[in-house]
Amino acid sequence: MKTDGCHVVADITLAEYIFTCDEIIERVEVALAKSGMTILGKATHDFGGGGFTGVWLLAESHYSIHTFPERNFISVDCYTCGDKGKPFICVATFMDGMEVQDAKIRILHRGS
């Protein structure tokens, strides 16, 4: 059996971290919808002060995020298997409108 997957990992440094947890959740879900992905479920946790972690279970695989407001940093992981869903577009859409100071984005093609 042949499996194909695309895994996009992003380390995002912002000029200033100004987001609430609800704003991050909304950004993630808009990005997932715009990139053609289907949310099956999610688990999130607000650590207070803007610190947040979340995982979305997708029909296509998963999306996870961790924020570090004290470092103006966000870590994102978006993985899809098959050809439905566009993980790079998802990450780019999530970042759209943020004051990004630096972004290290890695695209890994997974499977056999």
PDB file of N, CA and C in Angstrom:
ATOM      1  N   MET A   1       0.842  -1.170   0.000  1.00  0.00           N
ATOM      2  CA  MET A   1       0.000   0.000   0.000  1.00  0.00           C
ATOM      3  C   MET A   1       0.892   1.239   0.000  1.00  0.00           C
ATOM      4  N   LYS A   2       0.517   2.225  -0.784  1.00  0.00           N
ATOM      5  CA  LYS A   2       1.257   3.478  -0.851  1.00  0.00           C
ATOM      6  C   LYS A   2       0.556   4.514   0.032  1.00  0.00           C
ATOM      7  N   THR A   3       1.331   5.208   0.858  1.00  0.00           N
ATOM      8  CA  THR A   3       0.778   6.272   1.690  1.00  0.00           C
ATOM      9  C   THR A   3       1.484   7.567   1.347  1.00  0.00           C
ATOM     10  N   ASP A   4       0.748   8.637   1.331  1.00  0.00           N
ATOM     11  CA  ASP A   4       1.312   9.959   1.057  1.00  0.00           C
ATOM     12  C   ASP A   4       0.838  10.919   2.132  1.00  0.00           C
ATOM     13  N   GLY A   5       1.740  11.739   2.580  1.00  0.00           N
ATOM     14  CA  GLY A   5       1.370  12.741   3.560  1.00  0.00           C
ATOM     15  C   GLY A   5       2.231  13.977   3.404  1.00  0.00           C
ATOM     16  N   CYS A   6       1.690  15.078   3.838  1.00  0.00           N
ATOM     17  CA  CYS A   6       2.436  16.335   3.850  1.00  0.00           C
ATOM     18  C   CYS A   6       2.377  16.885   5.267  1.00  0.00           C
ATOM     19  N   HIS A   7       3.535  17.168   5.826  1.00  0.00           N
ATOM     20  CA  HIS A   7       3.657  17.626   7.207  1.00  0.00           C
ATOM     21  C   HIS A   7       4.329  18.994   7.187  1.00  0.00           C
ATOM     22  N   VAL A   8       3.618  20.008   7.630  1.00  0.00           N
ATOM     23  CA  VAL A   8       4.158  21.363   7.678  1.00  0.00           C
ATOM     24  C   VAL A   8       4.361  21.741   9.134  1.00  0.00           C
ATOM     25  N   VAL A   9       5.590  22.122   9.457  1.00  0.00           N
ATOM     26  CA  VAL A   9       5.970  22.518  10.811  1.00  0.00           C
ATOM     27  C   VAL A   9       6.453  23.964  10.749  1.00  0.00           C
ATOM     28  N   ALA A  10       5.911  24.810  11.609  1.00  0.00           N
ATOM     29  CA  ALA A  10       6.278  26.227  11.589  1.00  0.00           C
ATOM     30  C   ALA A  10       6.656  26.716  12.981  1.00  0.00           C
ATOM     31  N   ASP A  11       7.763  27.423  13.043  1.00  0.00           N
ATOM     32  CA  ASP A  11       8.195  28.147  14.241  1.00  0.00           C
ATOM     33  C   ASP A  11       8.038  29.619  13.912  1.00  0.00           C
ATOM     34  N   ILE A  12       7.114  30.272  14.586  1.00  0.00           N
ATOM     35  CA  ILE A  12       6.730  31.649  14.250  1.00  0.00           C
ATOM     36  C   ILE A  12       7.103  32.573  15.400  1.00  0.00           C
ATOM     37  N   THR A  13       7.911  33.576  15.103  1.00  0.00           N
ATOM     38  CA  THR A  13       8.255  34.600  16.087  1.00  0.00           C
ATOM     39  C   THR A  13       7.550  35.884  15.677  1.00  0.00           C
ATOM     40  N   LEU A  14       6.803  36.439  16.606  1.00  0.00           N
ATOM     41  CA  LEU A  14       6.049  37.671  16.349  1.00  0.00           C
ATOM     42  C   LEU A  14       6.777  38.876  16.919  1.00  0.00           C
ATOM     43  N   ALA A  15       6.499  40.029  16.348  1.00  0.00           N
ATOM     44  CA  ALA A  15       7.041  41.270  16.906  1.00  0.00           C
ATOM     45  C   ALA A  15       6.495  41.470  18.318  1.00  0.00           C
ATOM     46  N   GLU A  16       5.217  41.111  18.490  1.00  0.00           N
ATOM     47  CA  GLU A  16       4.580  41.202  19.808  1.00  0.00           C
ATOM     48  C   GLU A  16       3.420  40.214  19.836  1.00  0.00           C
ATOM     49  N   TYR A  17       3.303  39.469  20.921  1.00  0.00           N
ATOM     50  CA  TYR A  17       2.205  38.522  21.059  1.00  0.00           C
ATOM     51  C   TYR A  17       1.019  39.248  21.679  1.00  0.00           C
ATOM     52  N   ILE A  18      -0.067  39.389  20.917  1.00  0.00           N
ATOM     53  CA  ILE A  18      -1.212  40.190  21.373  1.00  0.00           C
ATOM     54  C   ILE A  18      -2.532  39.412  21.335  1.00  0.00           C
ATOM     55  N   PHE A  19      -2.494  38.099  21.232  1.00  0.00           N
ATOM     56  CA  PHE A  19      -3.703  37.318  20.972  1.00  0.00           C
ATOM     57  C   PHE A  19      -4.259  36.661  22.225  1.00  0.00           C
ATOM     58  N   THR A  20      -5.593  36.591  22.276  1.00  0.00           N
ATOM     59  CA  THR A  20      -6.251  35.805  23.313  1.00  0.00           C
ATOM     60  C   THR A  20      -6.378  34.368  22.805  1.00  0.00           C
ATOM     61  N   CYS A  21      -6.682  33.459  23.693  1.00  0.00           N
ATOM     62  CA  CYS A  21      -6.874  32.062  23.286  1.00  0.00           C
ATOM     63  C   CYS A  21      -8.036  31.939  22.305  1.00  0.00           C
ATOM     64  N   ASP A  22      -9.113  32.675  22.545  1.00  0.00           N
ATOM     65  CA  ASP A  22     -10.258  32.621  21.627  1.00  0.00           C
ATOM     66  C   ASP A  22      -9.872  33.111  20.230  1.00  0.00           C
ATOM     67  N   GLU A  23      -9.026  34.129  20.159  1.00  0.00           N
ATOM     68  CA  GLU A  23      -8.579  34.624  18.851  1.00  0.00           C
ATOM     69  C   GLU A  23      -7.717  33.581  18.134  1.00  0.00           C
ATOM     70  N   ILE A  24      -6.882  32.884  18.878  1.00  0.00           N
ATOM     71  CA  ILE A  24      -6.050  31.837  18.273  1.00  0.00           C
ATOM     72  C   ILE A  24      -6.937  30.709  17.750  1.00  0.00           C
ATOM     73  N   ILE A  25      -7.909  30.276  18.542  1.00  0.00           N
ATOM     74  CA  ILE A  25      -8.826  29.220  18.113  1.00  0.00           C
ATOM     75  C   ILE A  25      -9.555  29.633  16.837  1.00  0.00           C
ATOM     76  N   GLU A  26     -10.045  30.855  16.794  1.00  0.00           N
ATOM     77  CA  GLU A  26     -10.753  31.331  15.606  1.00  0.00           C
ATOM     78  C   GLU A  26      -9.831  31.345  14.387  1.00  0.00           C
ATOM     79  N   ARG A  27      -8.611  31.832  14.552  1.00  0.00           N
ATOM     80  CA  ARG A  27      -7.644  31.851  13.441  1.00  0.00           C
ATOM     81  C   ARG A  27      -7.369  30.439  12.920  1.00  0.00           C
ATOM     82  N   VAL A  28      -7.169  29.504  13.835  1.00  0.00           N
ATOM     83  CA  VAL A  28      -6.895  28.116  13.436  1.00  0.00           C
ATOM     84  C   VAL A  28      -8.077  27.563  12.652  1.00  0.00           C
ATOM     85  N   GLU A  29      -9.283  27.744  13.157  1.00  0.00           N
ATOM     86  CA  GLU A  29     -10.446  27.138  12.516  1.00  0.00           C
ATOM     87  C   GLU A  29     -10.772  27.782  11.170  1.00  0.00           C
ATOM     88  N   VAL A  30     -10.536  29.079  11.039  1.00  0.00           N
ATOM     89  CA  VAL A  30     -10.692  29.740   9.731  1.00  0.00           C
ATOM     90  C   VAL A  30      -9.652  29.185   8.760  1.00  0.00           C
ATOM     91  N   ALA A  31      -8.414  29.040   9.219  1.00  0.00           N
ATOM     92  CA  ALA A  31      -7.345  28.519   8.358  1.00  0.00           C
ATOM     93  C   ALA A  31      -7.629  27.086   7.918  1.00  0.00           C
ATOM     94  N   LEU A  32      -8.123  26.268   8.835  1.00  0.00           N
ATOM     95  CA  LEU A  32      -8.452  24.887   8.480  1.00  0.00           C
ATOM     96  C   LEU A  32      -9.556  24.848   7.420  1.00  0.00           C
ATOM     97  N   ALA A  33     -10.586  25.655   7.596  1.00  0.00           N
ATOM     98  CA  ALA A  33     -11.689  25.689   6.625  1.00  0.00           C
ATOM     99  C   ALA A  33     -11.212  26.166   5.262  1.00  0.00           C
ATOM    100  N   LYS A  34     -10.407  27.230   5.245  1.00  0.00           N
ATOM    101  CA  LYS A  34      -9.929  27.784   3.976  1.00  0.00           C
ATOM    102  C   LYS A  34      -8.982  26.851   3.239  1.00  0.00           C
ATOM    103  N   SER A  35      -8.374  25.927   3.967  1.00  0.00           N
ATOM    104  CA  SER A  35      -7.441  25.000   3.322  1.00  0.00           C
ATOM    105  C   SER A  35      -8.076  23.649   3.017  1.00  0.00           C
ATOM    106  N   GLY A  36      -9.403  23.572   3.158  1.00  0.00           N
ATOM    107  CA  GLY A  36     -10.132  22.380   2.750  1.00  0.00           C
ATOM    108  C   GLY A  36     -10.092  21.224   3.720  1.00  0.00           C
ATOM    109  N   MET A  37      -9.898  21.509   4.998  1.00  0.00           N
ATOM    110  CA  MET A  37      -9.818  20.432   5.979  1.00  0.00           C
ATOM    111  C   MET A  37     -11.099  20.350   6.802  1.00  0.00           C
ATOM    112  N   THR A  38     -11.356  19.157   7.319  1.00  0.00           N
ATOM    113  CA  THR A  38     -12.578  18.884   8.062  1.00  0.00           C
ATOM    114  C   THR A  38     -12.247  18.590   9.519  1.00  0.00           C
ATOM    115  N   ILE A  39     -12.771  19.400  10.430  1.00  0.00           N
ATOM    116  CA  ILE A  39     -12.538  19.218  11.862  1.00  0.00           C
ATOM    117  C   ILE A  39     -13.475  18.133  12.391  1.00  0.00           C
ATOM    118  N   LEU A  40     -12.893  17.116  13.023  1.00  0.00           N
ATOM    119  CA  LEU A  40     -13.673  16.048  13.665  1.00  0.00           C
ATOM    120  C   LEU A  40     -13.802  16.279  15.167  1.00  0.00           C
ATOM    121  N   GLY A  41     -12.806  16.953  15.751  1.00  0.00           N
ATOM    122  CA  GLY A  41     -12.819  17.221  17.182  1.00  0.00           C
ATOM    123  C   GLY A  41     -11.632  18.079  17.561  1.00  0.00           C
ATOM    124  N   LYS A  42     -11.628  18.561  18.803  1.00  0.00           N
ATOM    125  CA  LYS A  42     -10.491  19.358  19.269  1.00  0.00           C
ATOM    126  C   LYS A  42     -10.374  19.276  20.780  1.00  0.00           C
ATOM    127  N   ALA A  43      -9.167  19.512  21.254  1.00  0.00           N
ATOM    128  CA  ALA A  43      -8.879  19.638  22.679  1.00  0.00           C
ATOM    129  C   ALA A  43      -7.981  20.853  22.828  1.00  0.00           C
ATOM    130  N   THR A  44      -8.363  21.777  23.709  1.00  0.00           N
ATOM    131  CA  THR A  44      -7.571  22.987  23.914  1.00  0.00           C
ATOM    132  C   THR A  44      -7.401  23.245  25.406  1.00  0.00           C
ATOM    133  N   HIS A  45      -6.357  23.999  25.723  1.00  0.00           N
ATOM    134  CA  HIS A  45      -6.133  24.389  27.111  1.00  0.00           C
ATOM    135  C   HIS A  45      -5.539  25.783  27.167  1.00  0.00           C
ATOM    136  N   ASP A  46      -6.131  26.635  27.995  1.00  0.00           N
ATOM    137  CA  ASP A  46      -5.678  27.998  28.231  1.00  0.00           C
ATOM    138  C   ASP A  46      -4.827  27.991  29.507  1.00  0.00           C
ATOM    139  N   PHE A  47      -3.527  28.305  29.362  1.00  0.00           N
ATOM    140  CA  PHE A  47      -2.635  28.346  30.514  1.00  0.00           C
ATOM    141  C   PHE A  47      -2.662  29.704  31.217  1.00  0.00           C
ATOM    142  N   GLY A  48      -3.419  30.659  30.656  1.00  0.00           N
ATOM    143  CA  GLY A  48      -3.469  32.008  31.210  1.00  0.00           C
ATOM    144  C   GLY A  48      -2.376  32.874  30.621  1.00  0.00           C
ATOM    145  N   GLY A  49      -2.617  34.159  30.576  1.00  0.00           N
ATOM    146  CA  GLY A  49      -1.627  35.094  30.060  1.00  0.00           C
ATOM    147  C   GLY A  49      -1.326  34.917  28.582  1.00  0.00           C
ATOM    148  N   GLY A  50      -2.222  34.265  27.851  1.00  0.00           N
ATOM    149  CA  GLY A  50      -2.012  34.039  26.421  1.00  0.00           C
ATOM    150  C   GLY A  50      -1.389  32.701  26.103  1.00  0.00           C
ATOM    151  N   GLY A  51      -0.909  31.983  27.124  1.00  0.00           N
ATOM    152  CA  GLY A  51      -0.337  30.657  26.895  1.00  0.00           C
ATOM    153  C   GLY A  51      -1.448  29.679  26.545  1.00  0.00           C
ATOM    154  N   PHE A  52      -1.248  28.926  25.493  1.00  0.00           N
ATOM    155  CA  PHE A  52      -2.315  28.110  24.945  1.00  0.00           C
ATOM    156  C   PHE A  52      -1.732  26.895  24.240  1.00  0.00           C
ATOM    157  N   THR A  53      -2.446  25.795  24.307  1.00  0.00           N
ATOM    158  CA  THR A  53      -2.127  24.631  23.493  1.00  0.00           C
ATOM    159  C   THR A  53      -3.426  24.069  22.939  1.00  0.00           C
ATOM    160  N   GLY A  54      -3.357  23.545  21.730  1.00  0.00           N
ATOM    161  CA  GLY A  54      -4.551  22.978  21.125  1.00  0.00           C
ATOM    162  C   GLY A  54      -4.202  21.925  20.094  1.00  0.00           C
ATOM    163  N   VAL A  55      -5.085  20.946  19.982  1.00  0.00           N
ATOM    164  CA  VAL A  55      -4.942  19.891  18.985  1.00  0.00           C
ATOM    165  C   VAL A  55      -6.299  19.695  18.317  1.00  0.00           C
ATOM    166  N   TRP A  56      -6.305  19.711  16.995  1.00  0.00           N
ATOM    167  CA  TRP A  56      -7.514  19.460  16.212  1.00  0.00           C
ATOM    168  C   TRP A  56      -7.349  18.117  15.520  1.00  0.00           C
ATOM    169  N   LEU A  57      -8.317  17.252  15.717  1.00  0.00           N
ATOM    170  CA  LEU A  57      -8.379  15.990  14.997  1.00  0.00           C
ATOM    171  C   LEU A  57      -9.107  16.271  13.680  1.00  0.00           C
ATOM    172  N   LEU A  58      -8.462  15.951  12.584  1.00  0.00           N
ATOM    173  CA  LEU A  58      -9.011  16.245  11.266  1.00  0.00           C
ATOM    174  C   LEU A  58      -9.332  14.955  10.519  1.00  0.00           C
ATOM    175  N   ALA A  59     -10.274  15.020   9.609  1.00  0.00           N
ATOM    176  CA  ALA A  59     -10.525  13.882   8.731  1.00  0.00           C
ATOM    177  C   ALA A  59      -9.255  13.579   7.944  1.00  0.00           C
ATOM    178  N   GLU A  60      -8.427  14.605   7.713  1.00  0.00           N
ATOM    179  CA  GLU A  60      -7.190  14.471   6.939  1.00  0.00           C
ATOM    180  C   GLU A  60      -5.987  14.108   7.799  1.00  0.00           C
ATOM    181  N   SER A  61      -6.016  14.332   9.093  1.00  0.00           N
ATOM    182  CA  SER A  61      -5.014  13.939  10.077  1.00  0.00           C
ATOM    183  C   SER A  61      -5.096  14.845  11.306  1.00  0.00           C
ATOM    184  N   HIS A  62      -4.144  15.811  11.480  1.00  0.00           N
ATOM    185  CA  HIS A  62      -4.190  16.632  12.696  1.00  0.00           C
ATOM    186  C   HIS A  62      -3.537  18.003  12.497  1.00  0.00           C
ATOM    187  N   TYR A  63      -3.841  18.909  13.457  1.00  0.00           N
ATOM    188  CA  TYR A  63      -3.238  20.240  13.534  1.00  0.00           C
ATOM    189  C   TYR A  63      -2.997  20.486  15.015  1.00  0.00           C
ATOM    190  N   SER A  64      -1.792  20.941  15.356  1.00  0.00           N
ATOM    191  CA  SER A  64      -1.529  21.283  16.751  1.00  0.00           C
ATOM    192  C   SER A  64      -0.807  22.625  16.824  1.00  0.00           C
ATOM    193  N   ILE A  65      -0.980  23.279  17.969  1.00  0.00           N
ATOM    194  CA  ILE A  65      -0.388  24.597  18.171  1.00  0.00           C
ATOM    195  C   ILE A  65      -0.038  24.770  19.647  1.00  0.00           C
ATOM    196  N   HIS A  66       1.069  25.458  19.876  1.00  0.00           N
ATOM    197  CA  HIS A  66       1.499  25.810  21.227  1.00  0.00           C
ATOM    198  C   HIS A  66       1.967  27.260  21.177  1.00  0.00           C
ATOM    199  N   THR A  67       1.495  28.076  22.120  1.00  0.00           N
ATOM    200  CA  THR A  67       1.917  29.474  22.136  1.00  0.00           C
ATOM    201  C   THR A  67       2.782  29.739  23.373  1.00  0.00           C
ATOM    202  N   PHE A  68       3.740  30.634  23.182  1.00  0.00           N
ATOM    203  CA  PHE A  68       4.649  31.053  24.246  1.00  0.00           C
ATOM    204  C   PHE A  68       4.672  32.583  24.239  1.00  0.00           C
ATOM    205  N   PRO A  69       3.645  33.216  24.804  1.00  0.00           N
ATOM    206  CA  PRO A  69       3.543  34.674  24.713  1.00  0.00           C
ATOM    207  C   PRO A  69       4.735  35.410  25.335  1.00  0.00           C
ATOM    208  N   GLU A  70       5.341  34.813  26.356  1.00  0.00           N
ATOM    209  CA  GLU A  70       6.491  35.459  26.998  1.00  0.00           C
ATOM    210  C   GLU A  70       7.699  35.521  26.068  1.00  0.00           C
ATOM    211  N   ARG A  71       7.672  34.704  25.009  1.00  0.00           N
ATOM    212  CA  ARG A  71       8.756  34.705  24.025  1.00  0.00           C
ATOM    213  C   ARG A  71       8.290  35.189  22.649  1.00  0.00           C
ATOM    214  N   ASN A  72       7.017  35.644  22.561  1.00  0.00           N
ATOM    215  CA  ASN A  72       6.433  36.070  21.278  1.00  0.00           C
ATOM    216  C   ASN A  72       6.545  34.963  20.231  1.00  0.00           C
ATOM    217  N   PHE A  73       6.283  33.728  20.650  1.00  0.00           N
ATOM    218  CA  PHE A  73       6.543  32.565  19.809  1.00  0.00           C
ATOM    219  C   PHE A  73       5.324  31.656  19.712  1.00  0.00           C
ATOM    220  N   ILE A  74       5.103  31.111  18.514  1.00  0.00           N
ATOM    221  CA  ILE A  74       4.038  30.134  18.275  1.00  0.00           C
ATOM    222  C   ILE A  74       4.636  28.960  17.503  1.00  0.00           C
ATOM    223  N   SER A  75       4.330  27.772  17.950  1.00  0.00           N
ATOM    224  CA  SER A  75       4.761  26.550  17.275  1.00  0.00           C
ATOM    225  C   SER A  75       3.528  25.878  16.678  1.00  0.00           C
ATOM    226  N   VAL A  76       3.587  25.555  15.376  1.00  0.00           N
ATOM    227  CA  VAL A  76       2.458  24.966  14.663  1.00  0.00           C
ATOM    228  C   VAL A  76       2.896  23.692  13.962  1.00  0.00           C
ATOM    229  N   ASP A  77       2.007  22.716  13.937  1.00  0.00           N
ATOM    230  CA  ASP A  77       2.251  21.431  13.283  1.00  0.00           C
ATOM    231  C   ASP A  77       0.974  21.043  12.549  1.00  0.00           C
ATOM    232  N   CYS A  78       1.042  20.901  11.233  1.00  0.00           N
ATOM    233  CA  CYS A  78      -0.132  20.526  10.441  1.00  0.00           C
ATOM    234  C   CYS A  78       0.230  19.363   9.528  1.00  0.00           C
ATOM    235  N   TYR A  79      -0.455  18.239   9.721  1.00  0.00           N
ATOM    236  CA  TYR A  79      -0.170  17.039   8.947  1.00  0.00           C
ATOM    237  C   TYR A  79      -1.429  16.562   8.241  1.00  0.00           C
ATOM    238  N   THR A  80      -1.283  16.202   6.979  1.00  0.00           N
ATOM    239  CA  THR A  80      -2.389  15.613   6.234  1.00  0.00           C
ATOM    240  C   THR A  80      -1.896  14.366   5.526  1.00  0.00           C
ATOM    241  N   CYS A  81      -2.778  13.408   5.378  1.00  0.00           N
ATOM    242  CA  CYS A  81      -2.471  12.248   4.565  1.00  0.00           C
ATOM    243  C   CYS A  81      -3.421  12.263   3.369  1.00  0.00           C
ATOM    244  N   GLY A  82      -2.917  11.823   2.245  1.00  0.00           N
ATOM    245  CA  GLY A  82      -3.709  11.890   1.030  1.00  0.00           C
ATOM    246  C   GLY A  82      -3.594  13.258   0.376  1.00  0.00           C
ATOM    247  N   ASP A  83      -4.473  13.516  -0.566  1.00  0.00           N
ATOM    248  CA  ASP A  83      -4.366  14.769  -1.314  1.00  0.00           C
ATOM    249  C   ASP A  83      -5.464  15.776  -0.973  1.00  0.00           C
ATOM    250  N   LYS A  84      -6.285  15.477   0.039  1.00  0.00           N
ATOM    251  CA  LYS A  84      -7.307  16.424   0.459  1.00  0.00           C
ATOM    252  C   LYS A  84      -6.720  17.300   1.569  1.00  0.00           C
ATOM    253  N   GLY A  85      -6.955  18.573   1.477  1.00  0.00           N
ATOM    254  CA  GLY A  85      -6.419  19.499   2.460  1.00  0.00           C
ATOM    255  C   GLY A  85      -5.063  20.022   2.033  1.00  0.00           C
ATOM    256  N   LYS A  86      -4.816  21.255   2.339  1.00  0.00           N
ATOM    257  CA  LYS A  86      -3.584  21.938   1.941  1.00  0.00           C
ATOM    258  C   LYS A  86      -2.900  22.493   3.193  1.00  0.00           C
ATOM    259  N   PRO A  87      -1.982  21.717   3.811  1.00  0.00           N
ATOM    260  CA  PRO A  87      -1.389  22.146   5.078  1.00  0.00           C
ATOM    261  C   PRO A  87      -0.559  23.430   4.980  1.00  0.00           C
ATOM    262  N   PHE A  88       0.149  23.647   3.870  1.00  0.00           N
ATOM    263  CA  PHE A  88       0.925  24.887   3.765  1.00  0.00           C
ATOM    264  C   PHE A  88      -0.009  26.095   3.711  1.00  0.00           C
ATOM    265  N   ILE A  89      -1.091  25.986   2.948  1.00  0.00           N
ATOM    266  CA  ILE A  89      -2.068  27.086   2.875  1.00  0.00           C
ATOM    267  C   ILE A  89      -2.683  27.317   4.246  1.00  0.00           C
ATOM    268  N   CYS A  90      -2.911  26.249   4.989  1.00  0.00           N
ATOM    269  CA  CYS A  90      -3.463  26.370   6.334  1.00  0.00           C
ATOM    270  C   CYS A  90      -2.546  27.192   7.231  1.00  0.00           C
ATOM    271  N   VAL A  91      -1.272  26.860   7.243  1.00  0.00           N
ATOM    272  CA  VAL A  91      -0.312  27.580   8.091  1.00  0.00           C
ATOM    273  C   VAL A  91      -0.169  29.035   7.623  1.00  0.00           C
ATOM    274  N   ALA A  92      -0.084  29.245   6.324  1.00  0.00           N
ATOM    275  CA  ALA A  92       0.034  30.607   5.789  1.00  0.00           C
ATOM    276  C   ALA A  92      -1.198  31.445   6.133  1.00  0.00           C
ATOM    277  N   THR A  93      -2.378  30.846   6.031  1.00  0.00           N
ATOM    278  CA  THR A  93      -3.615  31.558   6.372  1.00  0.00           C
ATOM    279  C   THR A  93      -3.645  31.896   7.850  1.00  0.00           C
ATOM    280  N   PHE A  94      -3.203  30.965   8.695  1.00  0.00           N
ATOM    281  CA  PHE A  94      -3.138  31.221  10.133  1.00  0.00           C
ATOM    282  C   PHE A  94      -2.262  32.442  10.425  1.00  0.00           C
ATOM    283  N   MET A  95      -1.131  32.567   9.724  1.00  0.00           N
ATOM    284  CA  MET A  95      -0.176  33.651   9.961  1.00  0.00           C
ATOM    285  C   MET A  95      -0.608  34.985   9.333  1.00  0.00           C
ATOM    286  N   ASP A  96      -1.530  34.938   8.374  1.00  0.00           N
ATOM    287  CA  ASP A  96      -1.940  36.139   7.647  1.00  0.00           C
ATOM    288  C   ASP A  96      -2.436  37.219   8.610  1.00  0.00           C
ATOM    289  N   GLY A  97      -1.884  38.397   8.482  1.00  0.00           N
ATOM    290  CA  GLY A  97      -2.287  39.521   9.319  1.00  0.00           C
ATOM    291  C   GLY A  97      -1.553  39.619  10.640  1.00  0.00           C
ATOM    292  N   MET A  98      -0.724  38.642  10.956  1.00  0.00           N
ATOM    293  CA  MET A  98       0.097  38.713  12.167  1.00  0.00           C
ATOM    294  C   MET A  98       1.347  39.527  11.852  1.00  0.00           C
ATOM    295  N   GLU A  99       1.886  40.173  12.846  1.00  0.00           N
ATOM    296  CA  GLU A  99       3.136  40.905  12.659  1.00  0.00           C
ATOM    297  C   GLU A  99       4.300  39.924  12.902  1.00  0.00           C
ATOM    298  N   VAL A 100       4.585  39.138  11.859  1.00  0.00           N
ATOM    299  CA  VAL A 100       5.599  38.087  11.946  1.00  0.00           C
ATOM    300  C   VAL A 100       6.988  38.699  11.814  1.00  0.00           C
ATOM    301  N   GLN A 101       7.820  38.426  12.790  1.00  0.00           N
ATOM    302  CA  GLN A 101       9.205  38.889  12.763  1.00  0.00           C
ATOM    303  C   GLN A 101      10.097  37.863  12.069  1.00  0.00           C
ATOM    304  N   ASP A 102       9.804  36.573  12.301  1.00  0.00           N
ATOM    305  CA  ASP A 102      10.571  35.499  11.683  1.00  0.00           C
ATOM    306  C   ASP A 102       9.693  34.253  11.637  1.00  0.00           C
ATOM    307  N   ALA A 103       9.817  33.488  10.565  1.00  0.00           N
ATOM    308  CA  ALA A 103       9.088  32.225  10.464  1.00  0.00           C
ATOM    309  C   ALA A 103       9.987  31.189   9.810  1.00  0.00           C
ATOM    310  N   LYS A 104      10.141  30.093  10.492  1.00  0.00           N
ATOM    311  CA  LYS A 104      10.872  28.955   9.938  1.00  0.00           C
ATOM    312  C   LYS A 104       9.820  27.886   9.631  1.00  0.00           C
ATOM    313  N   ILE A 105       9.627  27.627   8.349  1.00  0.00           N
ATOM    314  CA  ILE A 105       8.617  26.675   7.917  1.00  0.00           C
ATOM    315  C   ILE A 105       9.303  25.520   7.214  1.00  0.00           C
ATOM    316  N   ARG A 106       8.991  24.317   7.666  1.00  0.00           N
ATOM    317  CA  ARG A 106       9.550  23.115   7.064  1.00  0.00           C
ATOM    318  C   ARG A 106       8.404  22.278   6.507  1.00  0.00           C
ATOM    319  N   ILE A 107       8.598  21.803   5.288  1.00  0.00           N
ATOM    320  CA  ILE A 107       7.603  20.949   4.642  1.00  0.00           C
ATOM    321  C   ILE A 107       8.219  19.572   4.471  1.00  0.00           C
ATOM    322  N   LEU A 108       7.605  18.594   5.081  1.00  0.00           N
ATOM    323  CA  LEU A 108       8.091  17.222   5.020  1.00  0.00           C
ATOM    324  C   LEU A 108       7.094  16.386   4.235  1.00  0.00           C
ATOM    325  N   HIS A 109       7.578  15.661   3.244  1.00  0.00           N
ATOM    326  CA  HIS A 109       6.720  14.740   2.507  1.00  0.00           C
ATOM    327  C   HIS A 109       6.890  13.382   3.159  1.00  0.00           C
ATOM    328  N   ARG A 110       5.774  12.834   3.633  1.00  0.00           N
ATOM    329  CA  ARG A 110       5.805  11.607   4.413  1.00  0.00           C
ATOM    330  C   ARG A 110       5.151  10.468   3.659  1.00  0.00           C
ATOM    331  N   GLY A 111       5.551   9.280   3.967  1.00  0.00           N
ATOM    332  CA  GLY A 111       4.913   8.108   3.404  1.00  0.00           C
ATOM    333  C   GLY A 111       5.891   7.222   2.646  1.00  0.00           C
ATOM    334  N   SER A 112       5.319   6.209   2.040  1.00  0.00           N
ATOM    335  CA  SER A 112       6.152   5.253   1.304  1.00  0.00           C
ATOM    336  C   SER A 112       5.561   4.981  -0.060  1.00  0.00           C
TER     337      SER A 112
END
